[in-house]
């Protein structure tokens, strides 16, 4: 169940990050990967800043989307 949860949250977070960042959508599989990695980055970033978002699914999606947006922002800097 944990893997399925991670994939589902990652897909939603990656899709949301793709919508937030112009040109950030790269297809379903890449959005899932970016969303999962974004969740890891978001958790690390928020723990470093001592920030806590909501608990539960909504908090996980927001954390993943913000982390994925950071990844897409950094990738966009190297793309130019």
N, C-alpha and C. Protein backbone atom coordinates (compact mmCIF):
# COMPACT_ATOMS: atom_id res chain seq x y z
N UNK A 1 0.82 -1.19 0.00
CA UNK A 1 0.00 0.00 0.00
C UNK A 1 0.87 1.26 0.00
N UNK A 2 2.04 1.20 0.64
CA UNK A 2 2.92 2.36 0.71
C UNK A 2 3.43 2.78 -0.66
N UNK A 3 3.77 1.81 -1.50
CA UNK A 3 4.27 2.10 -2.84
C UNK A 3 3.17 2.73 -3.69
N UNK A 4 1.98 2.17 -3.61
CA UNK A 4 0.85 2.71 -4.36
C UNK A 4 0.53 4.14 -3.91
N UNK A 5 0.56 4.38 -2.60
CA UNK A 5 0.33 5.71 -2.05
C UNK A 5 1.38 6.69 -2.58
N UNK A 6 2.64 6.29 -2.55
CA UNK A 6 3.72 7.16 -3.04
C UNK A 6 3.56 7.48 -4.52
N UNK A 7 3.20 6.47 -5.30
CA UNK A 7 3.01 6.70 -6.74
C UNK A 7 1.84 7.64 -7.01
N UNK A 8 0.76 7.45 -6.29
CA UNK A 8 -0.42 8.30 -6.47
C UNK A 8 -0.14 9.73 -6.04
N UNK A 9 0.44 9.90 -4.87
CA UNK A 9 0.78 11.25 -4.38
C UNK A 9 1.82 11.88 -5.31
N UNK A 10 2.81 11.10 -5.75
CA UNK A 10 3.82 11.61 -6.66
C UNK A 10 3.24 12.06 -7.98
N UNK A 11 2.27 11.30 -8.49
CA UNK A 11 1.63 11.67 -9.76
C UNK A 11 0.88 12.98 -9.63
N UNK A 12 0.12 13.12 -8.55
CA UNK A 12 -0.65 14.35 -8.35
C UNK A 12 0.29 15.53 -8.10
N UNK A 13 1.31 15.33 -7.27
CA UNK A 13 2.26 16.40 -6.98
C UNK A 13 3.04 16.81 -8.23
N UNK A 14 3.47 15.84 -9.02
CA UNK A 14 4.19 16.15 -10.26
C UNK A 14 3.31 16.88 -11.26
N UNK A 15 2.05 16.46 -11.37
CA UNK A 15 1.11 17.14 -12.27
C UNK A 15 0.89 18.57 -11.81
N UNK A 16 0.70 18.75 -10.50
CA UNK A 16 0.47 20.08 -9.95
C UNK A 16 1.69 20.98 -10.16
N UNK A 17 2.87 20.44 -9.95
CA UNK A 17 4.10 21.22 -10.17
C UNK A 17 4.24 21.59 -11.65
N UNK A 18 3.88 20.66 -12.53
CA UNK A 18 3.93 20.95 -13.97
C UNK A 18 2.99 22.08 -14.35
N UNK A 19 1.84 22.16 -13.66
CA UNK A 19 0.89 23.24 -13.92
C UNK A 19 1.37 24.56 -13.33
N UNK A 20 2.05 24.49 -12.17
CA UNK A 20 2.55 25.71 -11.53
C UNK A 20 3.72 26.32 -12.29
N UNK A 21 4.57 25.46 -12.82
CA UNK A 21 5.76 25.93 -13.53
C UNK A 21 5.47 25.85 -15.03
N UNK A 22 5.61 26.96 -15.72
CA UNK A 22 5.34 26.98 -17.16
C UNK A 22 6.26 26.01 -17.88
N UNK A 23 5.66 25.16 -18.69
CA UNK A 23 6.45 24.21 -19.47
C UNK A 23 7.04 23.10 -18.64
N UNK A 24 6.56 22.91 -17.42
CA UNK A 24 7.13 21.92 -16.52
C UNK A 24 6.57 20.53 -16.68
N UNK A 25 5.50 20.38 -17.43
CA UNK A 25 4.90 19.06 -17.59
C UNK A 25 5.67 18.23 -18.61
N UNK A 26 6.07 17.03 -18.22
CA UNK A 26 6.87 16.19 -19.11
C UNK A 26 6.23 14.84 -19.35
N UNK A 27 4.94 14.71 -19.13
CA UNK A 27 4.28 13.43 -19.30
C UNK A 27 4.08 12.74 -17.97
N UNK A 28 3.20 11.76 -17.96
CA UNK A 28 2.77 11.12 -16.72
C UNK A 28 3.92 10.46 -15.97
N UNK A 29 4.73 9.65 -16.64
CA UNK A 29 5.80 8.92 -15.96
C UNK A 29 6.83 9.86 -15.35
N UNK A 30 7.26 10.86 -16.12
CA UNK A 30 8.25 11.80 -15.60
C UNK A 30 7.65 12.65 -14.49
N UNK A 31 6.36 13.01 -14.60
CA UNK A 31 5.72 13.77 -13.53
C UNK A 31 5.65 12.96 -12.24
N UNK A 32 5.40 11.65 -12.34
CA UNK A 32 5.39 10.80 -11.16
C UNK A 32 6.77 10.78 -10.52
N UNK A 33 7.79 10.60 -11.34
CA UNK A 33 9.17 10.56 -10.82
C UNK A 33 9.53 11.88 -10.17
N UNK A 34 9.24 12.99 -10.84
CA UNK A 34 9.54 14.31 -10.29
C UNK A 34 8.73 14.54 -9.02
N UNK A 35 7.48 14.08 -8.99
CA UNK A 35 6.65 14.25 -7.80
C UNK A 35 7.19 13.48 -6.60
N UNK A 36 7.65 12.25 -6.83
CA UNK A 36 8.21 11.46 -5.73
C UNK A 36 9.51 12.07 -5.23
N UNK A 37 10.38 12.44 -6.15
CA UNK A 37 11.63 13.10 -5.76
C UNK A 37 11.32 14.45 -5.11
N UNK A 38 10.30 15.13 -5.62
CA UNK A 38 9.89 16.40 -5.04
C UNK A 38 9.39 16.25 -3.62
N UNK A 39 8.73 15.15 -3.31
CA UNK A 39 8.30 14.88 -1.94
C UNK A 39 9.49 14.75 -1.00
N UNK A 40 10.52 14.08 -1.48
CA UNK A 40 11.74 13.93 -0.68
C UNK A 40 12.41 15.28 -0.49
N UNK A 41 12.54 16.04 -1.57
CA UNK A 41 13.16 17.36 -1.50
C UNK A 41 12.33 18.30 -0.63
N UNK A 42 11.01 18.26 -0.80
CA UNK A 42 10.14 19.11 0.00
C UNK A 42 10.22 18.81 1.48
N UNK A 43 10.22 17.51 1.83
CA UNK A 43 10.36 17.13 3.24
C UNK A 43 11.69 17.60 3.81
N UNK A 44 12.76 17.43 3.06
CA UNK A 44 14.07 17.87 3.52
C UNK A 44 14.10 19.39 3.67
N UNK A 45 13.59 20.10 2.66
CA UNK A 45 13.61 21.56 2.68
C UNK A 45 12.81 22.11 3.85
N UNK A 46 11.62 21.57 4.06
CA UNK A 46 10.78 22.06 5.15
C UNK A 46 11.35 21.72 6.52
N UNK A 47 12.02 20.58 6.63
CA UNK A 47 12.65 20.24 7.91
C UNK A 47 13.82 21.18 8.20
N UNK A 48 14.55 21.59 7.16
CA UNK A 48 15.66 22.52 7.35
C UNK A 48 15.16 23.91 7.76
N UNK A 49 14.00 24.28 7.25
CA UNK A 49 13.43 25.59 7.55
C UNK A 49 12.47 25.56 8.75
N UNK A 50 12.32 24.39 9.36
CA UNK A 50 11.41 24.19 10.50
C UNK A 50 9.98 24.61 10.17
N UNK A 51 9.53 24.24 8.98
CA UNK A 51 8.18 24.53 8.53
C UNK A 51 7.40 23.22 8.50
N UNK A 52 6.17 23.28 8.95
CA UNK A 52 5.31 22.09 8.93
C UNK A 52 4.02 22.43 8.21
N UNK A 53 3.73 21.69 7.15
CA UNK A 53 2.47 21.85 6.45
C UNK A 53 1.43 20.95 7.09
N UNK A 54 0.25 20.95 6.53
CA UNK A 54 -0.83 20.11 7.04
C UNK A 54 -0.43 18.64 7.03
N UNK A 55 -1.03 17.89 7.93
CA UNK A 55 -0.84 16.44 7.93
C UNK A 55 -1.79 15.81 6.93
N UNK A 56 -1.50 14.59 6.55
CA UNK A 56 -2.40 13.84 5.68
C UNK A 56 -2.06 13.99 4.21
N UNK A 57 -3.02 13.60 3.40
CA UNK A 57 -2.83 13.55 1.95
C UNK A 57 -2.60 14.94 1.37
N UNK A 58 -3.37 15.92 1.80
CA UNK A 58 -3.23 17.28 1.26
C UNK A 58 -1.85 17.84 1.57
N UNK A 59 -1.37 17.63 2.79
CA UNK A 59 -0.03 18.08 3.15
C UNK A 59 1.05 17.39 2.34
N UNK A 60 0.87 16.09 2.10
CA UNK A 60 1.83 15.33 1.29
C UNK A 60 1.85 15.85 -0.15
N UNK A 61 0.68 16.13 -0.69
CA UNK A 61 0.60 16.65 -2.07
C UNK A 61 1.25 18.03 -2.16
N UNK A 62 0.96 18.90 -1.19
CA UNK A 62 1.55 20.24 -1.21
C UNK A 62 3.07 20.18 -1.06
N UNK A 63 3.54 19.35 -0.14
CA UNK A 63 4.98 19.19 0.05
C UNK A 63 5.64 18.67 -1.23
N UNK A 64 5.05 17.65 -1.84
CA UNK A 64 5.59 17.10 -3.08
C UNK A 64 5.56 18.09 -4.22
N UNK A 65 4.47 18.86 -4.32
CA UNK A 65 4.36 19.84 -5.41
C UNK A 65 5.37 20.97 -5.24
N UNK A 66 5.57 21.42 -4.01
CA UNK A 66 6.55 22.49 -3.79
C UNK A 66 7.96 21.97 -4.05
N UNK A 67 8.26 20.77 -3.58
CA UNK A 67 9.58 20.17 -3.84
C UNK A 67 9.81 19.94 -5.33
N UNK A 68 8.78 19.46 -6.02
CA UNK A 68 8.90 19.23 -7.46
C UNK A 68 9.05 20.56 -8.21
N UNK A 69 8.38 21.60 -7.74
CA UNK A 69 8.53 22.92 -8.37
C UNK A 69 9.95 23.44 -8.22
N UNK A 70 10.54 23.19 -7.06
CA UNK A 70 11.94 23.59 -6.84
C UNK A 70 12.85 22.85 -7.82
N UNK A 71 12.61 21.55 -7.98
CA UNK A 71 13.41 20.76 -8.92
C UNK A 71 13.24 21.28 -10.35
N UNK A 72 12.00 21.56 -10.74
CA UNK A 72 11.75 22.06 -12.10
C UNK A 72 12.36 23.45 -12.29
N UNK A 73 12.35 24.27 -11.25
CA UNK A 73 12.97 25.59 -11.34
C UNK A 73 14.48 25.48 -11.56
N UNK A 74 15.10 24.60 -10.78
CA UNK A 74 16.55 24.40 -10.93
C UNK A 74 16.87 23.80 -12.30
N UNK A 75 16.07 22.83 -12.74
CA UNK A 75 16.29 22.23 -14.07
C UNK A 75 16.13 23.26 -15.16
N UNK A 76 15.18 24.18 -14.99
CA UNK A 76 14.98 25.25 -15.98
C UNK A 76 16.15 26.19 -16.06
N UNK A 77 16.85 26.40 -14.95
CA UNK A 77 18.03 27.26 -14.95
C UNK A 77 19.16 26.63 -15.77
N UNK A 78 19.30 25.31 -15.67
CA UNK A 78 20.35 24.63 -16.43
C UNK A 78 19.98 24.46 -17.90
N UNK A 79 18.69 24.46 -18.18
CA UNK A 79 18.21 24.27 -19.55
C UNK A 79 18.52 25.46 -20.43
N UNK A 80 18.54 26.64 -19.86
CA UNK A 80 18.74 27.88 -20.63
C UNK A 80 20.15 28.09 -21.02
